Amino acid sequence: MHVPDDFEFASIEMFDKVADSYLDRLNEILCGEPDPGDSAEDDVLVPWSHMLRTPASERSFR
């Protein structure tokens, strides 16, 4: 899914969680095996829209 350039993650922790989740899923697809160190909750992919703030163009600056 394409994420517009003017979106920002609400926190670096959210970015890390999403990135790890998608990389783990990609590894499963390419290698056919889940990473043995992952917990079940890490396997749930969170939609990008839930991790992003309001676009910069819609924010008001005072």
N, C-alpha and C. Protein backbone atom coordinates (compact mmCIF):
# COMPACT_ATOMS: atom_id res chain seq x y z
N MET A 1 0.85 -1.19 0.00
CA MET A 1 0.00 0.00 0.00
C MET A 1 0.88 1.24 0.00
N HIS A 2 0.57 2.20 -0.84
CA HIS A 2 1.33 3.43 -0.92
C HIS A 2 0.95 4.37 0.22
N VAL A 3 1.94 4.90 0.89
CA VAL A 3 1.71 5.88 1.95
C VAL A 3 2.16 7.24 1.42
N PRO A 4 1.27 8.24 1.41
CA PRO A 4 1.64 9.56 0.91
C PRO A 4 2.84 10.14 1.66
N ASP A 5 3.64 10.94 0.95
CA ASP A 5 4.85 11.52 1.53
C ASP A 5 4.58 12.43 2.71
N ASP A 6 3.40 13.05 2.77
CA ASP A 6 3.13 14.02 3.84
C ASP A 6 2.53 13.37 5.08
N PHE A 7 2.51 12.05 5.17
CA PHE A 7 2.06 11.37 6.38
C PHE A 7 3.25 11.14 7.30
N GLU A 8 2.98 11.15 8.60
CA GLU A 8 4.01 10.87 9.59
C GLU A 8 3.46 9.83 10.56
N PHE A 9 4.36 8.99 11.07
CA PHE A 9 3.94 8.05 12.10
C PHE A 9 3.74 8.79 13.41
N ALA A 10 2.77 8.36 14.19
CA ALA A 10 2.47 9.00 15.46
C ALA A 10 3.63 8.87 16.43
N SER A 11 4.43 7.82 16.32
CA SER A 11 5.61 7.66 17.16
C SER A 11 6.57 6.68 16.50
N ILE A 12 7.81 6.73 16.89
CA ILE A 12 8.81 5.81 16.34
C ILE A 12 8.49 4.38 16.75
N GLU A 13 7.88 4.20 17.92
CA GLU A 13 7.51 2.85 18.35
C GLU A 13 6.49 2.24 17.41
N MET A 14 5.52 3.04 16.96
CA MET A 14 4.52 2.54 16.01
C MET A 14 5.18 2.17 14.69
N PHE A 15 6.11 3.00 14.24
CA PHE A 15 6.83 2.70 13.01
C PHE A 15 7.57 1.37 13.14
N ASP A 16 8.29 1.20 14.25
CA ASP A 16 9.05 -0.04 14.47
C ASP A 16 8.14 -1.26 14.48
N LYS A 17 6.99 -1.16 15.14
CA LYS A 17 6.07 -2.29 15.23
C LYS A 17 5.53 -2.66 13.85
N VAL A 18 5.13 -1.65 13.09
CA VAL A 18 4.59 -1.90 11.75
C VAL A 18 5.67 -2.47 10.84
N ALA A 19 6.86 -1.87 10.87
CA ALA A 19 7.95 -2.35 10.02
C ALA A 19 8.31 -3.80 10.36
N ASP A 20 8.45 -4.10 11.64
CA ASP A 20 8.77 -5.47 12.05
C ASP A 20 7.69 -6.45 11.61
N SER A 21 6.45 -6.05 11.75
CA SER A 21 5.33 -6.91 11.39
C SER A 21 5.34 -7.23 9.90
N TYR A 22 5.53 -6.19 9.07
CA TYR A 22 5.53 -6.41 7.63
C TYR A 22 6.76 -7.18 7.17
N LEU A 23 7.91 -6.93 7.77
CA LEU A 23 9.11 -7.68 7.42
C LEU A 23 8.99 -9.15 7.82
N ASP A 24 8.38 -9.41 8.97
CA ASP A 24 8.15 -10.79 9.39
C ASP A 24 7.23 -11.50 8.40
N ARG A 25 6.19 -10.83 7.97
CA ARG A 25 5.25 -11.44 7.02
C ARG A 25 5.94 -11.68 5.68
N LEU A 26 6.75 -10.74 5.23
CA LEU A 26 7.48 -10.92 3.98
C LEU A 26 8.43 -12.11 4.08
N ASN A 27 9.10 -12.25 5.22
CA ASN A 27 9.98 -13.38 5.45
C ASN A 27 9.21 -14.70 5.37
N GLU A 28 8.01 -14.74 5.95
CA GLU A 28 7.18 -15.94 5.88
C GLU A 28 6.82 -16.28 4.43
N ILE A 29 6.48 -15.25 3.66
CA ILE A 29 6.10 -15.47 2.26
C ILE A 29 7.29 -15.99 1.45
N LEU A 30 8.45 -15.35 1.63
CA LEU A 30 9.62 -15.72 0.84
C LEU A 30 10.26 -17.03 1.29
N CYS A 31 10.30 -17.27 2.58
CA CYS A 31 11.01 -18.44 3.11
C CYS A 31 10.08 -19.58 3.50
N GLY A 32 8.80 -19.28 3.67
CA GLY A 32 7.85 -20.31 4.02
C GLY A 32 7.81 -20.67 5.49
N GLU A 33 8.59 -19.97 6.31
CA GLU A 33 8.63 -20.28 7.74
C GLU A 33 8.56 -19.00 8.56
N PRO A 34 7.79 -19.02 9.64
CA PRO A 34 7.79 -17.86 10.53
C PRO A 34 9.08 -17.81 11.34
N ASP A 35 9.43 -16.64 11.78
CA ASP A 35 10.60 -16.47 12.64
C ASP A 35 10.28 -17.09 14.00
N PRO A 36 11.10 -18.04 14.48
CA PRO A 36 10.78 -18.72 15.74
C PRO A 36 10.78 -17.80 16.96
N GLY A 37 11.41 -16.63 16.88
CA GLY A 37 11.46 -15.71 18.00
C GLY A 37 10.25 -14.81 18.12
N ASP A 38 9.35 -14.87 17.15
CA ASP A 38 8.18 -13.98 17.16
C ASP A 38 7.08 -14.52 18.05
N SER A 39 6.38 -13.59 18.69
CA SER A 39 5.20 -13.98 19.46
C SER A 39 3.98 -13.90 18.54
N ALA A 40 2.89 -14.50 18.96
CA ALA A 40 1.68 -14.52 18.14
C ALA A 40 1.14 -13.12 17.89
N GLU A 41 1.26 -12.22 18.87
CA GLU A 41 0.71 -10.88 18.68
C GLU A 41 1.48 -10.08 17.64
N ASP A 42 2.75 -10.41 17.40
CA ASP A 42 3.53 -9.72 16.38
C ASP A 42 3.12 -10.11 14.97
N ASP A 43 2.40 -11.24 14.84
CA ASP A 43 2.02 -11.72 13.53
C ASP A 43 0.81 -10.99 12.95
N VAL A 44 0.14 -10.20 13.75
CA VAL A 44 -1.03 -9.47 13.29
C VAL A 44 -0.58 -8.21 12.56
N LEU A 45 -0.99 -8.08 11.31
CA LEU A 45 -0.63 -6.91 10.52
C LEU A 45 -1.63 -5.80 10.80
N VAL A 46 -1.13 -4.65 11.17
CA VAL A 46 -1.97 -3.50 11.48
C VAL A 46 -2.03 -2.62 10.24
N PRO A 47 -3.23 -2.23 9.82
CA PRO A 47 -3.34 -1.36 8.64
C PRO A 47 -2.56 -0.06 8.84
N TRP A 48 -1.91 0.39 7.79
CA TRP A 48 -1.13 1.63 7.86
C TRP A 48 -1.98 2.79 8.37
N SER A 49 -3.24 2.85 7.96
CA SER A 49 -4.08 3.98 8.33
C SER A 49 -4.25 4.13 9.83
N HIS A 50 -4.12 3.04 10.58
CA HIS A 50 -4.25 3.11 12.03
C HIS A 50 -2.97 3.62 12.69
N MET A 51 -1.87 3.65 11.96
CA MET A 51 -0.59 4.05 12.52
C MET A 51 -0.19 5.47 12.13
N LEU A 52 -0.97 6.09 11.28
CA LEU A 52 -0.58 7.39 10.75
C LEU A 52 -1.38 8.53 11.36
N ARG A 53 -0.72 9.67 11.44
CA ARG A 53 -1.39 10.87 11.92
C ARG A 53 -2.11 11.56 10.77
N THR A 54 -2.70 12.67 11.09
CA THR A 54 -3.33 13.51 10.08
C THR A 54 -2.26 13.98 9.09
N PRO A 55 -2.57 14.01 7.79
CA PRO A 55 -1.58 14.50 6.83
C PRO A 55 -1.12 15.91 7.18
N ALA A 56 0.13 16.20 6.89
CA ALA A 56 0.70 17.51 7.21
C ALA A 56 -0.11 18.64 6.57
N SER A 57 -0.65 18.40 5.39
CA SER A 57 -1.42 19.43 4.70
C SER A 57 -2.71 19.79 5.43
N GLU A 58 -3.21 18.92 6.31
CA GLU A 58 -4.45 19.17 7.04
C GLU A 58 -4.20 19.68 8.46
N ARG A 59 -2.95 19.74 8.90
CA ARG A 59 -2.66 20.22 10.25
C ARG A 59 -2.63 21.74 10.28
N SER A 60 -3.04 22.29 11.39
CA SER A 60 -2.97 23.74 11.54
C SER A 60 -1.76 24.09 12.40
N PHE A 61 -1.02 25.08 11.98
CA PHE A 61 0.15 25.52 12.71
C PHE A 61 -0.12 26.92 13.24
N ARG A 62 0.16 27.10 14.53
CA ARG A 62 -0.08 28.42 15.13
C ARG A 62 1.20 29.04 15.56
